[in-house]
Amino acid sequence: MTTTARTEPCPQPAGVYVPVIDRSRCEGKADCVRVCPVAVFEVRRIDDADFAALSWLGKVKSVAHRRQTAYTPNAEACEACGECVNACPEKAIKLRKLGTR
Protein backbone atom coordinates (compact mmCIF):
# COMPACT_ATOMS: atom_id res chain seq x y z
CA MET A 1 0.00 0.00 0.00
CA THR A 2 1.28 3.44 -0.90
CA THR A 3 0.59 6.36 1.40
CA THR A 4 0.93 10.04 0.75
CA ALA A 5 1.67 12.79 3.23
CA ARG A 6 -1.21 15.04 4.22
CA THR A 7 -0.93 18.49 2.74
CA GLU A 8 -3.64 20.11 4.85
CA PRO A 9 -3.81 20.27 8.64
CA CYS A 10 -5.95 17.80 10.55
CA PRO A 11 -9.42 19.14 11.29
CA GLN A 12 -9.34 19.01 15.11
CA PRO A 13 -6.89 19.74 17.88
CA ALA A 14 -5.62 16.68 19.73
CA GLY A 15 -7.96 15.26 22.35
CA VAL A 16 -11.33 16.09 20.78
CA TYR A 17 -11.81 12.72 19.02
CA VAL A 18 -10.41 9.25 19.68
CA PRO A 19 -10.28 6.24 17.38
CA VAL A 20 -12.35 3.25 18.50
CA ILE A 21 -11.38 -0.22 17.27
CA ASP A 22 -13.98 -2.90 16.57
CA ARG A 23 -11.92 -5.92 17.66
CA SER A 24 -14.33 -8.35 16.03
CA ARG A 25 -13.38 -6.82 12.65
CA CYS A 26 -9.72 -5.84 13.12
CA GLU A 27 -7.26 -8.26 11.52
CA GLY A 28 -4.11 -6.48 12.71
CA LYS A 29 -2.88 -5.55 9.24
CA ALA A 30 -1.35 -2.30 10.60
CA ASP A 31 -2.54 0.03 7.85
CA CYS A 32 -3.63 2.39 10.63
CA VAL A 33 -0.11 2.39 12.07
CA ARG A 34 1.38 3.29 8.70
CA VAL A 35 -0.95 6.19 7.89
CA CYS A 36 -1.42 7.86 11.28
CA PRO A 37 0.50 11.16 11.28
CA VAL A 38 0.64 11.33 15.09
CA ALA A 39 1.49 7.69 16.02
CA VAL A 40 -1.78 6.85 17.79
CA PHE A 41 -1.77 3.11 16.92
CA GLU A 42 0.15 -0.06 17.59
CA VAL A 43 -0.63 -3.61 16.52
CA ARG A 44 -0.01 -6.41 18.98
CA ARG A 45 -1.49 -9.60 20.41
CA ILE A 46 -5.04 -9.08 21.63
CA ASP A 47 -5.35 -8.84 25.42
CA ASP A 48 -6.97 -11.88 27.04
CA ALA A 49 -9.92 -9.82 28.33
CA ASP A 50 -10.57 -8.34 24.88
CA PHE A 51 -10.32 -11.79 23.30
CA ALA A 52 -12.78 -13.23 25.86
CA ALA A 53 -15.28 -10.47 24.99
CA LEU A 54 -15.35 -11.45 21.29
CA SER A 55 -18.17 -13.54 19.84
CA TRP A 56 -17.41 -17.11 18.83
CA LEU A 57 -16.95 -16.00 15.22
CA GLY A 58 -14.79 -13.08 16.34
CA LYS A 59 -12.53 -15.47 18.27
CA VAL A 60 -12.14 -17.73 15.23
CA LYS A 61 -11.27 -14.75 13.06
CA SER A 62 -8.81 -13.44 15.65
CA VAL A 63 -7.02 -16.79 15.88
CA ALA A 64 -6.85 -16.99 12.08
CA HIS A 65 -5.00 -13.65 12.14
CA ARG A 66 -2.52 -14.68 14.84
CA ARG A 67 -4.58 -12.84 17.50
CA GLN A 68 -3.21 -9.52 16.24
CA THR A 69 -5.25 -6.35 16.67
CA ALA A 70 -4.79 -2.60 16.77
CA TYR A 71 -4.62 -0.68 20.03
CA THR A 72 -4.49 3.07 20.61
CA PRO A 73 -1.91 3.75 23.34
CA ASN A 74 -1.61 7.36 22.18
CA ALA A 75 -5.33 8.03 21.53
CA GLU A 76 -5.19 11.47 23.14
CA ALA A 77 -2.92 12.63 20.30
CA CYS A 78 -5.60 11.94 17.64
CA GLU A 79 -6.38 14.98 15.49
CA ALA A 80 -9.33 13.40 13.66
CA CYS A 81 -7.72 13.42 10.22
CA GLY A 82 -9.59 10.20 9.34
CA GLU A 83 -6.62 8.59 7.59
CA CYS A 84 -6.95 5.47 9.77
CA VAL A 85 -10.67 5.14 9.01
CA ASN A 86 -9.99 5.36 5.27
CA ALA A 87 -6.98 3.01 5.37
CA CYS A 88 -8.53 0.18 7.39
CA PRO A 89 -9.46 -2.62 4.97
CA GLU A 90 -11.85 -4.18 7.52
CA LYS A 91 -13.61 -0.88 8.32
CA ALA A 92 -12.82 -1.59 11.98
CA ILE A 93 -12.07 2.01 13.03
CA LYS A 94 -14.45 4.81 13.84
CA LEU A 95 -13.71 8.22 15.31
CA ARG A 96 -15.69 9.09 18.43
CA LYS A 97 -15.95 12.54 19.90
CA LEU A 98 -14.89 12.47 23.54
CA GLY A 99 -17.83 12.72 25.88
CA THR A 100 -20.17 10.83 23.51
CA ARG A 101 -20.98 7.16 23.16
C-alpha atoms as a PDB file:
ATOM      1  CA  MET A   1       0.000   0.000   0.000  1.00  0.00           C
ATOM      2  CA  THR A   2       1.278   3.440  -0.899  1.00  0.00           C
ATOM      3  CA  THR A   3       0.590   6.357   1.395  1.00  0.00           C
ATOM      4  CA  THR A   4       0.933  10.038   0.754  1.00  0.00           C
ATOM      5  CA  ALA A   5       1.672  12.787   3.225  1.00  0.00           C
ATOM      6  CA  ARG A   6      -1.209  15.039   4.222  1.00  0.00           C
ATOM      7  CA  THR A   7      -0.933  18.488   2.737  1.00  0.00           C
ATOM      8  CA  GLU A   8      -3.645  20.109   4.846  1.00  0.00           C
ATOM      9  CA  PRO A   9      -3.811  20.272   8.640  1.00  0.00           C
ATOM     10  CA  CYS A  10      -5.946  17.802  10.555  1.00  0.00           C
ATOM     11  CA  PRO A  11      -9.424  19.145  11.293  1.00  0.00           C
ATOM     12  CA  GLN A  12      -9.340  19.009  15.105  1.00  0.00           C
ATOM     13  CA  PRO A  13      -6.889  19.735  17.881  1.00  0.00           C
ATOM     14  CA  ALA A  14      -5.618  16.677  19.729  1.00  0.00           C
ATOM     15  CA  GLY A  15      -7.960  15.255  22.352  1.00  0.00           C
ATOM     16  CA  VAL A  16     -11.335  16.085  20.782  1.00  0.00           C
ATOM     17  CA  TYR A  17     -11.806  12.716  19.020  1.00  0.00           C
ATOM     18  CA  VAL A  18     -10.413   9.253  19.685  1.00  0.00           C
ATOM     19  CA  PRO A  19     -10.281   6.239  17.376  1.00  0.00           C
ATOM     20  CA  VAL A  20     -12.349   3.254  18.498  1.00  0.00           C
ATOM     21  CA  ILE A  21     -11.380  -0.216  17.268  1.00  0.00           C
ATOM     22  CA  ASP A  22     -13.984  -2.898  16.572  1.00  0.00           C
ATOM     23  CA  ARG A  23     -11.922  -5.915  17.660  1.00  0.00           C
ATOM     24  CA  SER A  24     -14.325  -8.352  16.026  1.00  0.00           C
ATOM     25  CA  ARG A  25     -13.379  -6.815  12.653  1.00  0.00           C
ATOM     26  CA  CYS A  26      -9.724  -5.836  13.117  1.00  0.00           C
ATOM     27  CA  GLU A  27      -7.256  -8.260  11.523  1.00  0.00           C
ATOM     28  CA  GLY A  28      -4.110  -6.482  12.710  1.00  0.00           C
ATOM     29  CA  LYS A  29      -2.884  -5.554   9.235  1.00  0.00           C
ATOM     30  CA  ALA A  30      -1.351  -2.300  10.597  1.00  0.00           C
ATOM     31  CA  ASP A  31      -2.535   0.033   7.845  1.00  0.00           C
ATOM     32  CA  CYS A  32      -3.633   2.388  10.634  1.00  0.00           C
ATOM     33  CA  VAL A  33      -0.108   2.389  12.067  1.00  0.00           C
ATOM     34  CA  ARG A  34       1.380   3.290   8.697  1.00  0.00           C
ATOM     35  CA  VAL A  35      -0.955   6.194   7.893  1.00  0.00           C
ATOM     36  CA  CYS A  36      -1.416   7.865  11.284  1.00  0.00           C
ATOM     37  CA  PRO A  37       0.504  11.162  11.280  1.00  0.00           C
ATOM     38  CA  VAL A  38       0.642  11.327  15.093  1.00  0.00           C
ATOM     39  CA  ALA A  39       1.487   7.687  16.020  1.00  0.00           C
ATOM     40  CA  VAL A  40      -1.779   6.846  17.791  1.00  0.00           C
ATOM     41  CA  PHE A  41      -1.769   3.113  16.924  1.00  0.00           C
ATOM     42  CA  GLU A  42       0.150  -0.057  17.594  1.00  0.00           C
ATOM     43  CA  VAL A  43      -0.629  -3.612  16.515  1.00  0.00           C
ATOM     44  CA  ARG A  44      -0.011  -6.415  18.982  1.00  0.00           C
ATOM     45  CA  ARG A  45      -1.487  -9.595  20.406  1.00  0.00           C
ATOM     46  CA  ILE A  46      -5.036  -9.076  21.628  1.00  0.00           C
ATOM     47  CA  ASP A  47      -5.350  -8.841  25.416  1.00  0.00           C
ATOM     48  CA  ASP A  48      -6.972 -11.883  27.040  1.00  0.00           C
ATOM     49  CA  ALA A  49      -9.921  -9.820  28.331  1.00  0.00           C
ATOM     50  CA  ASP A  50     -10.574  -8.338  24.882  1.00  0.00           C
ATOM     51  CA  PHE A  51     -10.319 -11.792  23.298  1.00  0.00           C
ATOM     52  CA  ALA A  52     -12.779 -13.226  25.858  1.00  0.00           C
ATOM     53  CA  ALA A  53     -15.285 -10.475  24.989  1.00  0.00           C
ATOM     54  CA  LEU A  54     -15.352 -11.454  21.289  1.00  0.00           C
ATOM     55  CA  SER A  55     -18.167 -13.541  19.840  1.00  0.00           C
ATOM     56  CA  TRP A  56     -17.411 -17.114  18.827  1.00  0.00           C
ATOM     57  CA  LEU A  57     -16.954 -16.002  15.223  1.00  0.00           C
ATOM     58  CA  GLY A  58     -14.790 -13.076  16.338  1.00  0.00           C
ATOM     59  CA  LYS A  59     -12.531 -15.468  18.266  1.00  0.00           C
ATOM     60  CA  VAL A  60     -12.142 -17.728  15.233  1.00  0.00           C
ATOM     61  CA  LYS A  61     -11.273 -14.746  13.055  1.00  0.00           C
ATOM     62  CA  SER A  62      -8.812 -13.438  15.648  1.00  0.00           C
ATOM     63  CA  VAL A  63      -7.025 -16.794  15.883  1.00  0.00           C
ATOM     64  CA  ALA A  64      -6.853 -16.990  12.078  1.00  0.00           C
ATOM     65  CA  HIS A  65      -4.999 -13.651  12.135  1.00  0.00           C
ATOM     66  CA  ARG A  66      -2.524 -14.682  14.843  1.00  0.00           C
ATOM     67  CA  ARG A  67      -4.580 -12.842  17.498  1.00  0.00           C
ATOM     68  CA  GLN A  68      -3.209  -9.519  16.241  1.00  0.00           C
ATOM     69  CA  THR A  69      -5.253  -6.348  16.668  1.00  0.00           C
ATOM     70  CA  ALA A  70      -4.794  -2.597  16.771  1.00  0.00           C
ATOM     71  CA  TYR A  71      -4.621  -0.681  20.032  1.00  0.00           C
ATOM     72  CA  THR A  72      -4.487   3.066  20.614  1.00  0.00           C
ATOM     73  CA  PRO A  73      -1.914   3.749  23.340  1.00  0.00           C
ATOM     74  CA  ASN A  74      -1.612   7.359  22.182  1.00  0.00           C
ATOM     75  CA  ALA A  75      -5.330   8.032  21.532  1.00  0.00           C
ATOM     76  CA  GLU A  76      -5.190  11.468  23.141  1.00  0.00           C
ATOM     77  CA  ALA A  77      -2.923  12.630  20.295  1.00  0.00           C
ATOM     78  CA  CYS A  78      -5.604  11.936  17.644  1.00  0.00           C
ATOM     79  CA  GLU A  79      -6.376  14.981  15.488  1.00  0.00           C
ATOM     80  CA  ALA A  80      -9.335  13.405  13.657  1.00  0.00           C
ATOM     81  CA  CYS A  81      -7.724  13.416  10.223  1.00  0.00           C
ATOM     82  CA  GLY A  82      -9.591  10.202   9.340  1.00  0.00           C
ATOM     83  CA  GLU A  83      -6.619   8.590   7.586  1.00  0.00           C
ATOM     84  CA  CYS A  84      -6.950   5.474   9.765  1.00  0.00           C
ATOM     85  CA  VAL A  85     -10.667   5.140   9.013  1.00  0.00           C
ATOM     86  CA  ASN A  86      -9.992   5.360   5.275  1.00  0.00           C
ATOM     87  CA  ALA A  87      -6.983   3.009   5.366  1.00  0.00           C
ATOM     88  CA  CYS A  88      -8.535   0.184   7.393  1.00  0.00           C
ATOM     89  CA  PRO A  89      -9.463  -2.620   4.971  1.00  0.00           C
ATOM     90  CA  GLU A  90     -11.849  -4.177   7.518  1.00  0.00           C
ATOM     91  CA  LYS A  91     -13.612  -0.885   8.322  1.00  0.00           C
ATOM     92  CA  ALA A  92     -12.824  -1.594  11.981  1.00  0.00           C
ATOM     93  CA  ILE A  93     -12.066   2.008  13.032  1.00  0.00           C
ATOM     94  CA  LYS A  94     -14.455   4.815  13.840  1.00  0.00           C
ATOM     95  CA  LEU A  95     -13.710   8.219  15.309  1.00  0.00           C
ATOM     96  CA  ARG A  96     -15.691   9.086  18.433  1.00  0.00           C
ATOM     97  CA  LYS A  97     -15.953  12.544  19.904  1.00  0.00           C
ATOM     98  CA  LEU A  98     -14.888  12.474  23.539  1.00  0.00           C
ATOM     99  CA  GLY A  99     -17.834  12.723  25.882  1.00  0.00           C
ATOM    100  CA  THR A 100     -20.170  10.834  23.514  1.00  0.00           C
ATOM    101  CA  ARG A 101     -20.982   7.156  23.163  1.00  0.00           C
END
